[in-house]
């Protein structure tokens, strides 16, 4: 499934939730760069869209994990040095994004 919207309809630096078919997706824009990710943090399933966007990363509001929006990989796992049992995390689920002349298209495999 594929959905397209205007780049101008995506707010700058504020996560935006949209449904593409039955899949809830979070769209994040920084300038002309756009990412589409799952709405849930891979650590404990918190609403990742409630987190802070800093440069090309998103920080989960619940436990402070920080993920790279380009790769989906965690770049900060808090408390891992203090608590050996602190659960590690997987990568963010990312969806392909293409831009065509001011239109942003997201593909759900």
N, C-alpha and C. Protein backbone atom coordinates (compact mmCIF):
# COMPACT_ATOMS: atom_id res chain seq x y z
N UNK A 1 0.84 -1.17 0.00
CA UNK A 1 0.00 0.00 0.00
C UNK A 1 0.89 1.24 0.00
N UNK A 2 0.43 2.27 -0.67
CA UNK A 2 1.21 3.49 -0.83
C UNK A 2 0.28 4.69 -0.64
N UNK A 3 0.77 5.71 0.07
CA UNK A 3 0.00 6.94 0.26
C UNK A 3 0.92 8.12 0.02
N UNK A 4 0.36 9.18 -0.57
CA UNK A 4 1.14 10.38 -0.87
C UNK A 4 0.45 11.61 -0.28
N UNK A 5 1.28 12.57 0.14
CA UNK A 5 0.77 13.85 0.61
C UNK A 5 1.78 14.93 0.28
N UNK A 6 1.33 16.16 0.34
CA UNK A 6 2.20 17.28 0.03
C UNK A 6 3.20 17.49 1.16
N UNK A 7 4.45 17.80 0.79
CA UNK A 7 5.48 18.10 1.78
C UNK A 7 5.01 19.24 2.68
N UNK A 8 4.28 20.21 2.13
CA UNK A 8 3.80 21.36 2.89
C UNK A 8 2.76 20.98 3.95
N UNK A 9 2.14 19.81 3.81
CA UNK A 9 1.14 19.36 4.79
C UNK A 9 1.76 18.65 5.99
N UNK A 10 3.07 18.43 5.95
CA UNK A 10 3.77 17.75 7.04
C UNK A 10 4.42 18.82 7.91
N UNK A 11 4.03 18.91 9.19
CA UNK A 11 4.62 19.95 10.04
C UNK A 11 6.11 19.74 10.27
N UNK A 12 6.82 20.83 10.39
CA UNK A 12 8.27 20.81 10.61
C UNK A 12 8.59 20.42 12.05
N UNK A 13 9.34 19.31 12.22
CA UNK A 13 9.83 18.93 13.54
C UNK A 13 8.79 18.42 14.53
N UNK A 14 7.57 18.17 14.07
CA UNK A 14 6.51 17.67 14.95
C UNK A 14 6.01 16.34 14.37
N UNK A 15 6.14 15.24 15.12
CA UNK A 15 5.65 13.96 14.60
C UNK A 15 4.16 14.01 14.27
N UNK A 16 3.81 13.46 13.13
CA UNK A 16 2.43 13.47 12.63
C UNK A 16 1.97 12.03 12.42
N UNK A 17 0.85 11.67 13.02
CA UNK A 17 0.32 10.31 12.86
C UNK A 17 -0.66 10.27 11.69
N UNK A 18 -0.52 9.23 10.87
CA UNK A 18 -1.47 9.00 9.77
C UNK A 18 -1.73 7.50 9.66
N UNK A 19 -2.89 7.18 9.15
CA UNK A 19 -3.20 5.79 8.84
C UNK A 19 -2.99 5.57 7.35
N UNK A 20 -2.24 4.54 7.03
CA UNK A 20 -2.07 4.12 5.64
C UNK A 20 -2.63 2.71 5.59
N UNK A 21 -3.81 2.60 5.05
CA UNK A 21 -4.54 1.32 5.13
C UNK A 21 -4.83 1.05 6.60
N UNK A 22 -4.41 -0.10 7.09
CA UNK A 22 -4.62 -0.44 8.49
C UNK A 22 -3.38 -0.15 9.35
N UNK A 23 -2.33 0.40 8.74
CA UNK A 23 -1.07 0.65 9.45
C UNK A 23 -1.02 2.10 9.95
N UNK A 24 -0.84 2.28 11.25
CA UNK A 24 -0.60 3.60 11.81
C UNK A 24 0.89 3.93 11.62
N UNK A 25 1.17 5.10 11.07
CA UNK A 25 2.53 5.52 10.74
C UNK A 25 2.78 6.91 11.32
N UNK A 26 4.00 7.15 11.76
CA UNK A 26 4.40 8.48 12.21
C UNK A 26 5.31 9.07 11.14
N UNK A 27 4.98 10.26 10.70
CA UNK A 27 5.77 10.96 9.69
C UNK A 27 6.48 12.12 10.39
N UNK A 28 7.77 12.25 10.13
CA UNK A 28 8.57 13.30 10.73
C UNK A 28 9.31 14.04 9.62
N UNK A 29 9.27 15.37 9.70
CA UNK A 29 9.93 16.20 8.68
C UNK A 29 10.93 17.15 9.33
N UNK A 30 12.10 17.24 8.71
CA UNK A 30 13.12 18.24 9.05
C UNK A 30 13.55 18.86 7.73
N UNK A 31 13.13 20.08 7.46
CA UNK A 31 13.42 20.71 6.18
C UNK A 31 12.74 19.92 5.07
N UNK A 32 13.52 19.48 4.09
CA UNK A 32 12.94 18.69 3.00
C UNK A 32 13.10 17.19 3.23
N UNK A 33 13.69 16.81 4.37
CA UNK A 33 13.91 15.39 4.68
C UNK A 33 12.71 14.85 5.48
N UNK A 34 12.23 13.68 5.08
CA UNK A 34 11.05 13.09 5.71
C UNK A 34 11.32 11.62 6.03
N UNK A 35 10.87 11.20 7.21
CA UNK A 35 10.97 9.81 7.64
C UNK A 35 9.58 9.30 8.00
N UNK A 36 9.37 8.00 7.83
CA UNK A 36 8.13 7.36 8.25
C UNK A 36 8.50 6.16 9.12
N UNK A 37 7.95 6.13 10.34
CA UNK A 37 8.31 5.08 11.30
C UNK A 37 7.06 4.52 11.97
N UNK A 38 7.23 3.39 12.63
CA UNK A 38 6.18 2.83 13.47
C UNK A 38 5.93 3.79 14.61
N UNK A 39 4.70 3.87 15.13
CA UNK A 39 4.40 4.79 16.22
C UNK A 39 4.87 4.32 17.59
N UNK A 40 5.47 3.13 17.67
CA UNK A 40 5.79 2.56 18.97
C UNK A 40 7.30 2.37 19.17
N UNK A 41 7.76 2.71 20.36
CA UNK A 41 9.16 2.54 20.71
C UNK A 41 9.47 1.04 20.82
N UNK A 42 10.57 0.58 20.22
CA UNK A 42 10.91 -0.84 20.29
C UNK A 42 11.29 -1.32 21.69
N UNK A 43 11.59 -0.40 22.60
CA UNK A 43 11.99 -0.80 23.94
C UNK A 43 10.82 -1.35 24.74
N UNK A 44 9.79 -0.56 24.94
CA UNK A 44 8.64 -0.99 25.75
C UNK A 44 7.30 -0.67 25.12
N UNK A 45 7.31 -0.25 23.86
CA UNK A 45 6.05 -0.02 23.16
C UNK A 45 5.39 1.31 23.43
N UNK A 46 6.12 2.26 24.02
CA UNK A 46 5.55 3.59 24.28
C UNK A 46 5.27 4.30 22.96
N UNK A 47 4.42 5.31 23.02
CA UNK A 47 4.09 6.11 21.84
C UNK A 47 5.30 6.99 21.48
N UNK A 48 6.10 6.52 20.53
CA UNK A 48 7.34 7.21 20.17
C UNK A 48 7.04 8.61 19.63
N UNK A 49 5.89 8.81 19.04
CA UNK A 49 5.52 10.10 18.47
C UNK A 49 5.38 11.19 19.53
N UNK A 50 5.30 10.82 20.80
CA UNK A 50 5.24 11.82 21.87
C UNK A 50 6.63 12.33 22.24
N UNK A 51 7.66 11.74 21.65
CA UNK A 51 9.03 12.09 21.99
C UNK A 51 9.52 13.36 21.30
N UNK A 52 10.74 13.71 21.62
CA UNK A 52 11.38 14.91 21.07
C UNK A 52 12.17 14.57 19.82
N UNK A 53 12.09 15.46 18.83
CA UNK A 53 12.90 15.35 17.62
C UNK A 53 14.10 16.28 17.79
N UNK A 54 15.30 15.72 17.69
CA UNK A 54 16.52 16.52 17.76
C UNK A 54 17.37 16.14 16.55
N UNK A 55 17.59 17.12 15.68
CA UNK A 55 18.32 16.88 14.44
C UNK A 55 17.66 15.72 13.70
N UNK A 56 18.37 14.62 13.52
CA UNK A 56 17.82 13.48 12.79
C UNK A 56 17.62 12.28 13.72
N UNK A 57 17.19 12.58 14.95
CA UNK A 57 16.92 11.54 15.94
C UNK A 57 15.58 11.79 16.60
N UNK A 58 15.06 10.74 17.25
CA UNK A 58 13.86 10.87 18.07
C UNK A 58 14.16 10.25 19.43
N UNK A 59 13.74 10.94 20.49
CA UNK A 59 13.96 10.49 21.86
C UNK A 59 12.62 10.06 22.44
N UNK A 60 12.54 8.82 22.90
CA UNK A 60 11.32 8.31 23.51
C UNK A 60 11.07 9.04 24.83
N UNK A 61 9.86 9.52 25.01
CA UNK A 61 9.53 10.28 26.21
C UNK A 61 9.52 9.42 27.47
N UNK A 62 9.32 8.12 27.35
CA UNK A 62 9.12 7.28 28.52
C UNK A 62 10.43 6.92 29.23
N UNK A 63 11.39 6.37 28.51
CA UNK A 63 12.65 5.95 29.15
C UNK A 63 13.89 6.64 28.59
N UNK A 64 13.73 7.52 27.60
CA UNK A 64 14.85 8.29 27.11
C UNK A 64 15.72 7.65 26.04
N UNK A 65 15.29 6.52 25.49
CA UNK A 65 16.05 5.91 24.39
C UNK A 65 16.04 6.88 23.21
N UNK A 66 17.18 6.96 22.51
CA UNK A 66 17.28 7.83 21.34
C UNK A 66 17.60 6.97 20.13
N UNK A 67 16.84 7.19 19.05
CA UNK A 67 16.98 6.41 17.82
C UNK A 67 17.34 7.32 16.65
N UNK A 68 18.21 6.83 15.78
CA UNK A 68 18.58 7.51 14.55
C UNK A 68 17.46 7.30 13.54
N UNK A 69 16.88 8.38 13.03
CA UNK A 69 15.78 8.27 12.08
C UNK A 69 16.23 7.74 10.72
N UNK A 70 17.52 7.89 10.39
CA UNK A 70 18.02 7.42 9.10
C UNK A 70 18.20 5.91 9.06
N UNK A 71 18.57 5.33 10.18
CA UNK A 71 18.85 3.89 10.22
C UNK A 71 17.86 3.11 11.08
N UNK A 72 17.20 3.81 12.01
CA UNK A 72 16.32 3.16 12.97
C UNK A 72 17.06 2.61 14.18
N UNK A 73 18.38 2.66 14.16
CA UNK A 73 19.19 2.07 15.23
C UNK A 73 19.17 2.94 16.49
N UNK A 74 19.22 2.29 17.65
CA UNK A 74 19.33 3.06 18.89
C UNK A 74 20.73 3.66 19.00
N UNK A 75 20.81 4.92 19.38
CA UNK A 75 22.12 5.54 19.55
C UNK A 75 22.38 5.88 21.01
N UNK A 76 21.35 5.79 21.84
CA UNK A 76 21.54 5.96 23.28
C UNK A 76 20.59 5.02 24.01
N UNK A 77 21.15 4.15 24.83
CA UNK A 77 20.38 3.26 25.69
C UNK A 77 20.67 3.69 27.12
N UNK A 78 19.75 4.41 27.75
CA UNK A 78 20.02 4.94 29.08
C UNK A 78 20.10 3.85 30.14
N UNK A 79 20.83 4.11 31.18
CA UNK A 79 20.95 3.25 32.35
C UNK A 79 21.61 1.91 32.10
N UNK A 80 22.13 1.67 30.92
CA UNK A 80 22.71 0.35 30.63
C UNK A 80 23.97 0.10 31.47
N UNK A 81 24.66 1.16 31.89
CA UNK A 81 25.84 0.97 32.72
C UNK A 81 25.47 0.76 34.20
N UNK A 82 24.32 1.25 34.62
CA UNK A 82 23.89 1.11 36.02
C UNK A 82 23.13 -0.18 36.29
N UNK A 83 22.30 -0.56 35.34
CA UNK A 83 21.41 -1.70 35.55
C UNK A 83 21.68 -2.76 34.48
N UNK A 84 22.37 -3.78 34.86
CA UNK A 84 22.73 -4.80 33.87
C UNK A 84 21.50 -5.49 33.30
N UNK A 85 20.41 -5.47 34.03
CA UNK A 85 19.19 -6.11 33.55
C UNK A 85 18.34 -5.21 32.68
N UNK A 86 18.79 -3.95 32.49
CA UNK A 86 18.01 -3.03 31.66
C UNK A 86 17.89 -3.59 30.25
N UNK A 87 16.70 -3.71 29.79
CA UNK A 87 16.43 -4.37 28.51
C UNK A 87 16.99 -3.58 27.34
N UNK A 88 17.73 -4.26 26.51
CA UNK A 88 18.19 -3.64 25.27
C UNK A 88 17.00 -3.49 24.33
N UNK A 89 17.21 -2.90 23.20
CA UNK A 89 16.11 -2.60 22.31
C UNK A 89 16.46 -3.00 20.88
N UNK A 90 15.45 -3.10 20.07
CA UNK A 90 15.65 -3.32 18.64
C UNK A 90 15.67 -1.99 17.91
N UNK A 91 15.61 -2.05 16.61
CA UNK A 91 15.56 -0.85 15.78
C UNK A 91 14.13 -0.38 15.61
N UNK A 92 13.98 0.91 15.33
CA UNK A 92 12.68 1.43 14.94
C UNK A 92 12.26 0.75 13.64
N UNK A 93 10.98 0.53 13.49
CA UNK A 93 10.47 0.05 12.20
C UNK A 93 10.33 1.27 11.31
N UNK A 94 10.99 1.24 10.15
CA UNK A 94 10.97 2.35 9.20
C UNK A 94 10.25 1.92 7.93
N UNK A 95 9.62 2.89 7.28
CA UNK A 95 8.92 2.63 6.02
C UNK A 95 9.55 3.49 4.93
N UNK A 96 9.62 2.95 3.71
CA UNK A 96 10.23 3.70 2.60
C UNK A 96 9.49 5.00 2.29
N UNK A 97 10.25 6.06 2.07
CA UNK A 97 9.70 7.38 1.74
C UNK A 97 10.36 7.85 0.45
N UNK A 98 9.54 8.30 -0.49
CA UNK A 98 10.04 8.87 -1.75
C UNK A 98 9.42 10.25 -1.92
N UNK A 99 10.17 11.16 -2.54
CA UNK A 99 9.63 12.49 -2.82
C UNK A 99 9.62 12.72 -4.31
N UNK A 100 8.50 13.25 -4.78
CA UNK A 100 8.33 13.54 -6.20
C UNK A 100 7.77 14.95 -6.34
N UNK A 101 8.63 15.93 -6.61
CA UNK A 101 8.17 17.29 -6.87
C UNK A 101 7.24 17.86 -5.82
N UNK A 102 7.64 17.77 -4.57
CA UNK A 102 6.83 18.35 -3.49
C UNK A 102 5.81 17.38 -2.89
N UNK A 103 5.69 16.19 -3.47
CA UNK A 103 4.81 15.17 -2.91
C UNK A 103 5.67 14.12 -2.22
N UNK A 104 5.23 13.69 -1.04
CA UNK A 104 5.93 12.67 -0.28
C UNK A 104 5.07 11.41 -0.32
N UNK A 105 5.68 10.31 -0.72
CA UNK A 105 4.95 9.04 -0.81
C UNK A 105 5.59 8.02 0.15
N UNK A 106 4.73 7.36 0.91
CA UNK A 106 5.17 6.36 1.88
C UNK A 106 4.61 5.02 1.46
N UNK A 107 5.48 4.02 1.49
CA UNK A 107 5.08 2.67 1.07
C UNK A 107 5.06 1.75 2.29
N UNK A 108 3.95 1.06 2.45
CA UNK A 108 3.81 0.04 3.49
C UNK A 108 3.93 -1.31 2.80
N UNK A 109 5.00 -2.07 3.11
CA UNK A 109 5.19 -3.36 2.42
C UNK A 109 4.07 -4.36 2.73
